[in-house]
N, C-alpha and C. Protein backbone atom coordinates (compact mmCIF):
# COMPACT_ATOMS: atom_id res chain seq x y z
N UNK A 1 148.97 141.98 27.07
CA UNK A 1 149.67 141.85 28.33
C UNK A 1 151.11 141.43 28.02
N UNK A 2 152.07 142.09 28.61
CA UNK A 2 153.48 141.72 28.49
C UNK A 2 153.69 140.49 29.38
N UNK A 3 153.98 139.35 28.77
CA UNK A 3 154.07 138.08 29.51
C UNK A 3 155.20 138.06 30.53
N UNK A 4 156.28 138.77 30.26
CA UNK A 4 157.41 138.71 31.17
C UNK A 4 157.16 139.48 32.47
N UNK A 5 156.42 140.59 32.40
CA UNK A 5 156.23 141.41 33.60
C UNK A 5 154.81 141.34 34.16
N UNK A 6 153.88 140.80 33.38
CA UNK A 6 152.48 140.78 33.82
C UNK A 6 151.81 142.14 33.69
N UNK A 7 152.50 143.12 33.09
CA UNK A 7 151.98 144.48 32.92
C UNK A 7 151.38 144.61 31.52
N UNK A 8 150.41 145.51 31.36
CA UNK A 8 149.86 145.74 30.02
C UNK A 8 150.96 146.23 29.08
N UNK A 9 150.93 145.76 27.85
CA UNK A 9 151.88 146.21 26.85
C UNK A 9 151.61 147.69 26.56
N UNK A 10 152.64 148.43 26.14
CA UNK A 10 152.45 149.87 25.88
C UNK A 10 151.33 150.16 24.88
N UNK A 11 151.19 149.38 23.82
CA UNK A 11 150.13 149.62 22.85
C UNK A 11 148.76 149.36 23.48
N UNK A 12 148.65 148.32 24.27
CA UNK A 12 147.38 148.04 24.95
C UNK A 12 147.01 149.19 25.89
N UNK A 13 147.99 149.71 26.60
CA UNK A 13 147.76 150.84 27.50
C UNK A 13 147.30 152.06 26.71
N UNK A 14 147.96 152.32 25.58
CA UNK A 14 147.59 153.46 24.75
C UNK A 14 146.16 153.33 24.23
N UNK A 15 145.80 152.13 23.81
CA UNK A 15 144.44 151.89 23.30
C UNK A 15 143.42 152.15 24.40
N UNK A 16 143.69 151.64 25.60
CA UNK A 16 142.77 151.84 26.72
C UNK A 16 142.64 153.31 27.06
N UNK A 17 143.76 154.01 27.16
CA UNK A 17 143.74 155.43 27.52
C UNK A 17 143.04 156.27 26.45
N UNK A 18 143.31 155.98 25.18
CA UNK A 18 142.66 156.72 24.10
C UNK A 18 141.15 156.49 24.13
N UNK A 19 140.75 155.25 24.31
CA UNK A 19 139.32 154.92 24.36
C UNK A 19 138.63 155.65 25.51
N UNK A 20 139.24 155.66 26.66
CA UNK A 20 138.67 156.36 27.82
C UNK A 20 138.60 157.87 27.59
N UNK A 21 139.65 158.43 27.01
CA UNK A 21 139.70 159.87 26.78
C UNK A 21 138.65 160.31 25.75
N UNK A 22 138.54 159.57 24.66
CA UNK A 22 137.56 159.92 23.63
C UNK A 22 136.15 159.78 24.19
N UNK A 23 135.91 158.72 24.94
CA UNK A 23 134.60 158.52 25.56
C UNK A 23 134.25 159.65 26.51
N UNK A 24 135.21 160.07 27.33
CA UNK A 24 134.96 161.16 28.27
C UNK A 24 134.68 162.47 27.53
N UNK A 25 135.43 162.74 26.48
CA UNK A 25 135.20 163.97 25.70
C UNK A 25 133.81 163.94 25.06
N UNK A 26 133.42 162.81 24.48
CA UNK A 26 132.09 162.71 23.86
C UNK A 26 130.99 162.89 24.89
N UNK A 27 131.14 162.29 26.06
CA UNK A 27 130.13 162.46 27.11
C UNK A 27 130.01 163.92 27.52
N UNK A 28 131.13 164.61 27.66
CA UNK A 28 131.10 166.03 28.02
C UNK A 28 130.43 166.86 26.94
N UNK A 29 130.78 166.59 25.69
CA UNK A 29 130.16 167.33 24.59
C UNK A 29 128.66 167.09 24.54
N UNK A 30 128.24 165.85 24.73
CA UNK A 30 126.80 165.54 24.71
C UNK A 30 126.08 166.23 25.86
N UNK A 31 126.67 166.19 27.03
CA UNK A 31 126.02 166.75 28.21
C UNK A 31 126.02 168.28 28.22
N UNK A 32 127.13 168.87 27.82
CA UNK A 32 127.30 170.32 27.96
C UNK A 32 126.90 171.11 26.72
N UNK A 33 126.58 170.44 25.62
CA UNK A 33 126.27 171.18 24.38
C UNK A 33 124.96 170.68 23.77
N UNK A 34 123.96 170.50 24.61
CA UNK A 34 122.67 169.99 24.14
C UNK A 34 121.56 170.96 24.55
N UNK A 35 121.49 172.13 23.89
CA UNK A 35 120.53 173.15 24.31
C UNK A 35 119.07 172.73 24.19
N UNK A 36 118.77 171.76 23.33
CA UNK A 36 117.38 171.36 23.12
C UNK A 36 117.01 170.08 23.86
N UNK A 37 117.96 169.48 24.58
CA UNK A 37 117.67 168.26 25.32
C UNK A 37 117.35 167.06 24.45
N UNK A 38 117.91 167.02 23.25
CA UNK A 38 117.67 165.90 22.34
C UNK A 38 118.48 164.68 22.76
N UNK A 39 117.96 163.50 22.45
CA UNK A 39 118.71 162.27 22.70
C UNK A 39 119.81 162.15 21.66
N UNK A 40 120.75 161.22 21.92
CA UNK A 40 121.82 160.99 20.96
C UNK A 40 121.24 160.54 19.62
N UNK A 41 120.26 159.64 19.65
CA UNK A 41 119.64 159.14 18.41
C UNK A 41 118.98 160.27 17.63
N UNK A 42 118.26 161.13 18.33
CA UNK A 42 117.60 162.26 17.67
C UNK A 42 118.63 163.20 17.03
N UNK A 43 119.70 163.45 17.75
CA UNK A 43 120.76 164.32 17.24
C UNK A 43 121.39 163.73 15.99
N UNK A 44 121.62 162.41 16.00
CA UNK A 44 122.23 161.76 14.84
C UNK A 44 121.30 161.80 13.62
N UNK A 45 120.00 161.65 13.85
CA UNK A 45 119.04 161.72 12.74
C UNK A 45 119.02 163.12 12.15
N UNK A 46 118.98 164.13 12.99
CA UNK A 46 119.00 165.51 12.48
C UNK A 46 120.28 165.77 11.69
N UNK A 47 121.40 165.29 12.19
CA UNK A 47 122.68 165.49 11.49
C UNK A 47 122.67 164.78 10.14
N UNK A 48 122.15 163.56 10.11
CA UNK A 48 122.10 162.78 8.87
C UNK A 48 121.21 163.50 7.84
N UNK A 49 120.03 163.93 8.27
CA UNK A 49 119.13 164.62 7.35
C UNK A 49 119.71 165.95 6.88
N UNK A 50 120.43 166.62 7.75
CA UNK A 50 121.08 167.88 7.38
C UNK A 50 122.13 167.63 6.31
N UNK A 51 122.84 166.53 6.43
CA UNK A 51 123.92 166.20 5.50
C UNK A 51 123.41 165.66 4.18
N UNK A 52 122.42 164.76 4.22
CA UNK A 52 122.01 164.05 3.01
C UNK A 52 120.72 164.54 2.39
N UNK A 53 119.91 165.26 3.15
CA UNK A 53 118.60 165.65 2.67
C UNK A 53 117.57 164.59 3.04
N UNK A 54 116.35 164.71 2.52
CA UNK A 54 115.26 163.81 2.90
C UNK A 54 115.60 162.34 2.68
N UNK A 55 115.13 161.50 3.62
CA UNK A 55 115.37 160.05 3.54
C UNK A 55 114.15 159.31 4.07
N UNK A 56 114.03 158.05 3.67
CA UNK A 56 112.98 157.19 4.19
C UNK A 56 113.39 156.67 5.57
N UNK A 57 112.42 156.15 6.28
CA UNK A 57 112.70 155.54 7.59
C UNK A 57 113.71 154.39 7.42
N UNK A 58 113.48 153.55 6.42
CA UNK A 58 114.37 152.39 6.20
C UNK A 58 115.79 152.84 5.87
N UNK A 59 115.92 153.85 5.02
CA UNK A 59 117.26 154.34 4.67
C UNK A 59 117.97 154.95 5.88
N UNK A 60 117.22 155.68 6.69
CA UNK A 60 117.81 156.25 7.91
C UNK A 60 118.23 155.15 8.87
N UNK A 61 117.39 154.14 9.04
CA UNK A 61 117.71 153.04 9.94
C UNK A 61 118.98 152.33 9.48
N UNK A 62 119.08 152.07 8.19
CA UNK A 62 120.26 151.41 7.63
C UNK A 62 121.51 152.27 7.86
N UNK A 63 121.39 153.55 7.57
CA UNK A 63 122.54 154.47 7.70
C UNK A 63 123.02 154.58 9.14
N UNK A 64 122.09 154.52 10.09
CA UNK A 64 122.45 154.67 11.50
C UNK A 64 122.64 153.34 12.22
N UNK A 65 122.41 152.23 11.51
CA UNK A 65 122.65 150.91 12.09
C UNK A 65 121.66 150.54 13.19
N UNK A 66 120.39 150.93 13.01
CA UNK A 66 119.36 150.59 13.98
C UNK A 66 118.20 149.90 13.26
N UNK A 67 117.30 149.33 14.04
CA UNK A 67 116.13 148.68 13.46
C UNK A 67 115.14 149.74 12.97
N UNK A 68 114.40 149.42 11.89
CA UNK A 68 113.42 150.40 11.38
C UNK A 68 112.40 150.81 12.44
N UNK A 69 112.01 149.90 13.33
CA UNK A 69 111.05 150.24 14.38
C UNK A 69 111.63 151.30 15.32
N UNK A 70 112.90 151.16 15.66
CA UNK A 70 113.56 152.16 16.52
C UNK A 70 113.65 153.50 15.82
N UNK A 71 113.99 153.46 14.54
CA UNK A 71 114.08 154.70 13.78
C UNK A 71 112.70 155.34 13.67
N UNK A 72 111.66 154.53 13.49
CA UNK A 72 110.30 155.06 13.42
C UNK A 72 109.92 155.80 14.69
N UNK A 73 110.31 155.24 15.84
CA UNK A 73 110.02 155.89 17.13
C UNK A 73 110.78 157.21 17.25
N UNK A 74 112.03 157.22 16.83
CA UNK A 74 112.83 158.45 16.89
C UNK A 74 112.23 159.52 15.98
N UNK A 75 111.84 159.11 14.77
CA UNK A 75 111.25 160.06 13.83
C UNK A 75 109.90 160.58 14.33
N UNK A 76 109.12 159.72 14.96
CA UNK A 76 107.82 160.15 15.50
C UNK A 76 108.02 161.23 16.55
N UNK A 77 109.01 161.05 17.41
CA UNK A 77 109.29 162.05 18.45
C UNK A 77 109.78 163.37 17.82
N UNK A 78 110.67 163.26 16.84
CA UNK A 78 111.16 164.47 16.17
C UNK A 78 110.04 165.18 15.42
N UNK A 79 109.14 164.39 14.84
CA UNK A 79 108.01 164.99 14.13
C UNK A 79 107.07 165.69 15.11
N UNK A 80 106.83 165.06 16.27
CA UNK A 80 105.93 165.68 17.26
C UNK A 80 106.53 166.98 17.81
N UNK A 81 107.85 167.08 17.81
CA UNK A 81 108.52 168.30 18.26
C UNK A 81 108.68 169.32 17.14
N UNK A 82 108.21 168.97 15.94
CA UNK A 82 108.27 169.90 14.82
C UNK A 82 109.65 170.04 14.19
N UNK A 83 110.53 169.06 14.41
CA UNK A 83 111.89 169.16 13.90
C UNK A 83 112.07 168.46 12.55
N UNK A 84 111.18 167.53 12.24
CA UNK A 84 111.17 166.89 10.93
C UNK A 84 109.73 166.87 10.42
N UNK A 85 109.59 166.75 9.11
CA UNK A 85 108.26 166.63 8.52
C UNK A 85 108.29 165.55 7.44
N UNK A 86 107.11 165.06 7.14
CA UNK A 86 106.97 164.04 6.09
C UNK A 86 106.76 164.71 4.74
N UNK A 87 107.33 164.06 3.72
CA UNK A 87 107.15 164.51 2.35
C UNK A 87 106.84 163.28 1.50
N UNK A 88 106.05 163.44 0.45
CA UNK A 88 105.82 162.29 -0.43
C UNK A 88 107.10 161.91 -1.16
N UNK A 89 107.30 160.62 -1.34
CA UNK A 89 108.45 160.13 -2.11
C UNK A 89 108.22 160.50 -3.57
N UNK A 90 109.22 161.03 -4.26
CA UNK A 90 109.01 161.50 -5.63
C UNK A 90 108.73 160.40 -6.66
N UNK A 91 109.17 159.17 -6.39
CA UNK A 91 108.99 158.10 -7.38
C UNK A 91 108.22 156.90 -6.86
N UNK A 92 108.02 156.80 -5.56
CA UNK A 92 107.33 155.64 -4.98
C UNK A 92 106.25 156.12 -4.02
N UNK A 93 105.02 156.09 -4.47
CA UNK A 93 103.91 156.59 -3.69
C UNK A 93 103.66 155.82 -2.39
N UNK A 94 104.26 154.64 -2.24
CA UNK A 94 104.09 153.85 -1.02
C UNK A 94 105.02 154.33 0.10
N UNK A 95 106.02 155.09 -0.25
CA UNK A 95 107.01 155.51 0.74
C UNK A 95 106.84 156.99 1.08
N UNK A 96 107.44 157.35 2.21
CA UNK A 96 107.43 158.74 2.65
C UNK A 96 108.86 159.12 3.01
N UNK A 97 109.21 160.35 2.74
CA UNK A 97 110.53 160.87 3.10
C UNK A 97 110.38 161.77 4.33
N UNK A 98 111.43 161.78 5.15
CA UNK A 98 111.49 162.69 6.28
C UNK A 98 112.56 163.74 5.98
N UNK A 99 112.23 164.98 6.27
CA UNK A 99 113.14 166.09 6.02
C UNK A 99 113.15 167.02 7.22
N UNK A 100 114.23 167.76 7.37
CA UNK A 100 114.31 168.76 8.43
C UNK A 100 113.33 169.90 8.17
N UNK A 101 112.71 170.36 9.22
CA UNK A 101 111.91 171.57 9.14
C UNK A 101 112.83 172.75 9.45
N UNK A 102 112.31 173.94 9.36
CA UNK A 102 113.11 175.12 9.75
C UNK A 102 113.52 175.01 11.21
N UNK A 103 112.61 174.51 12.05
CA UNK A 103 112.95 174.33 13.48
C UNK A 103 114.06 173.30 13.64
N UNK A 104 114.05 172.25 12.83
CA UNK A 104 115.10 171.24 12.88
C UNK A 104 116.45 171.80 12.46
N UNK A 105 116.43 172.63 11.44
CA UNK A 105 117.67 173.28 10.99
C UNK A 105 118.21 174.18 12.10
N UNK A 106 117.32 174.93 12.74
CA UNK A 106 117.74 175.81 13.83
C UNK A 106 118.29 175.01 15.01
N UNK A 107 117.68 173.87 15.32
CA UNK A 107 118.19 173.01 16.40
C UNK A 107 119.60 172.53 16.09
N UNK A 108 119.83 172.16 14.83
CA UNK A 108 121.18 171.74 14.41
C UNK A 108 122.17 172.89 14.59
N UNK A 109 121.77 174.08 14.20
CA UNK A 109 122.67 175.25 14.31
C UNK A 109 122.97 175.57 15.78
N UNK A 110 121.94 175.49 16.64
CA UNK A 110 122.17 175.76 18.07
C UNK A 110 123.15 174.77 18.66
N UNK A 111 122.97 173.50 18.34
CA UNK A 111 123.86 172.47 18.90
C UNK A 111 125.28 172.67 18.37
N UNK A 112 125.41 172.93 17.10
CA UNK A 112 126.72 173.15 16.51
C UNK A 112 127.41 174.36 17.15
N UNK A 113 126.66 175.44 17.34
CA UNK A 113 127.22 176.64 17.97
C UNK A 113 127.62 176.37 19.42
N UNK A 114 126.82 175.58 20.12
CA UNK A 114 127.13 175.25 21.52
C UNK A 114 128.41 174.42 21.60
N UNK A 115 128.57 173.47 20.68
CA UNK A 115 129.79 172.65 20.64
C UNK A 115 131.01 173.51 20.35
N UNK A 116 130.86 174.37 19.35
CA UNK A 116 131.97 175.25 18.98
C UNK A 116 132.38 176.12 20.16
N UNK A 117 131.40 176.71 20.85
CA UNK A 117 131.67 177.58 21.99
C UNK A 117 132.37 176.80 23.11
N UNK A 118 131.85 175.60 23.41
CA UNK A 118 132.42 174.80 24.49
C UNK A 118 133.87 174.44 24.18
N UNK A 119 134.13 173.99 22.96
CA UNK A 119 135.49 173.60 22.58
C UNK A 119 136.43 174.81 22.57
N UNK A 120 135.95 175.95 22.07
CA UNK A 120 136.79 177.16 22.07
C UNK A 120 137.18 177.55 23.49
N UNK A 121 136.20 177.52 24.40
CA UNK A 121 136.49 177.89 25.79
C UNK A 121 137.43 176.89 26.45
N UNK A 122 137.22 175.61 26.18
CA UNK A 122 138.08 174.57 26.78
C UNK A 122 139.50 174.67 26.24
N UNK A 123 139.64 174.84 24.94
CA UNK A 123 140.97 174.90 24.33
C UNK A 123 141.69 176.21 24.65
N UNK A 124 140.95 177.27 24.94
CA UNK A 124 141.57 178.55 25.28
C UNK A 124 142.39 178.44 26.57
N UNK A 125 142.06 177.45 27.40
CA UNK A 125 142.81 177.27 28.66
C UNK A 125 144.13 176.54 28.44
N UNK A 126 144.35 176.01 27.24
CA UNK A 126 145.60 175.31 26.94
C UNK A 126 146.69 176.32 26.57
N UNK A 127 147.92 175.93 26.78
CA UNK A 127 149.03 176.75 26.32
C UNK A 127 149.13 176.61 24.79
N UNK A 128 149.82 177.54 24.14
CA UNK A 128 150.00 177.38 22.68
C UNK A 128 150.64 176.04 22.31
N UNK A 129 151.58 175.59 23.12
CA UNK A 129 152.24 174.31 22.85
C UNK A 129 151.25 173.14 22.98
N UNK A 130 150.38 173.22 23.99
CA UNK A 130 149.37 172.16 24.17
C UNK A 130 148.39 172.14 23.00
N UNK A 131 148.00 173.31 22.53
CA UNK A 131 147.09 173.37 21.37
C UNK A 131 147.75 172.79 20.13
N UNK A 132 149.04 173.08 19.96
CA UNK A 132 149.78 172.54 18.82
C UNK A 132 149.84 171.01 18.90
N UNK A 133 150.09 170.49 20.09
CA UNK A 133 150.13 169.04 20.28
C UNK A 133 148.76 168.43 19.99
N UNK A 134 147.71 169.07 20.49
CA UNK A 134 146.35 168.58 20.24
C UNK A 134 146.05 168.55 18.75
N UNK A 135 146.40 169.59 18.03
CA UNK A 135 146.13 169.63 16.60
C UNK A 135 146.92 168.55 15.85
N UNK A 136 148.12 168.24 16.31
CA UNK A 136 148.87 167.13 15.72
C UNK A 136 148.15 165.81 15.95
N UNK A 137 147.58 165.66 17.14
CA UNK A 137 146.85 164.44 17.47
C UNK A 137 145.58 164.32 16.65
N UNK A 138 144.96 165.44 16.29
CA UNK A 138 143.72 165.42 15.50
C UNK A 138 143.95 164.68 14.18
N UNK A 139 145.07 164.91 13.54
CA UNK A 139 145.39 164.25 12.28
C UNK A 139 145.41 162.73 12.48
N UNK A 140 146.01 162.29 13.57
CA UNK A 140 146.10 160.85 13.84
C UNK A 140 144.75 160.27 14.21
N UNK A 141 143.97 161.02 14.98
CA UNK A 141 142.63 160.55 15.38
C UNK A 141 141.74 160.41 14.14
N UNK A 142 141.85 161.34 13.20
CA UNK A 142 141.11 161.24 11.95
C UNK A 142 141.50 159.96 11.22
N UNK A 143 142.79 159.67 11.16
CA UNK A 143 143.25 158.45 10.49
C UNK A 143 142.69 157.20 11.17
N UNK A 144 142.61 157.22 12.49
CA UNK A 144 142.00 156.09 13.21
C UNK A 144 140.55 155.91 12.79
N UNK A 145 139.83 157.02 12.68
CA UNK A 145 138.42 156.97 12.30
C UNK A 145 138.21 156.48 10.89
N UNK A 146 139.19 156.66 10.03
CA UNK A 146 139.08 156.23 8.64
C UNK A 146 139.63 154.84 8.40
N UNK A 147 140.30 154.28 9.41
CA UNK A 147 140.93 152.95 9.26
C UNK A 147 139.88 151.87 9.03
N UNK A 148 140.26 150.91 8.25
CA UNK A 148 139.34 149.79 7.98
C UNK A 148 139.72 148.57 8.75
């Protein structure tokens, strides 16, 4: 807050506006590009398994910052839908790995294609100058995401 005027400081305003804009974009992407009706947690698990390969429940929970019990429930639902399957752990017989099934891979591809299509259609309505400005902002948004 700018103490002299009682108005939000320009940086505070920018932070608020950026936070609202990113949140709105994410909500739109989640709502409009979810052909399989998966929850956010389910989508994140499929993405993680697609990126890293098979993982244990505990490793997935740690990677996604959730409790193992919550991850177990998410995995059970994905398994019942045929999107993930259990595999024996190669070195520890007490553990089990979860991996994407072919249906899980296809679900990832459908969601990715839906996102790509939605963004292409949305950005096609921008002028060339607006697209150039947006692409300049992408570089800065990436830096924000990598900031420590």
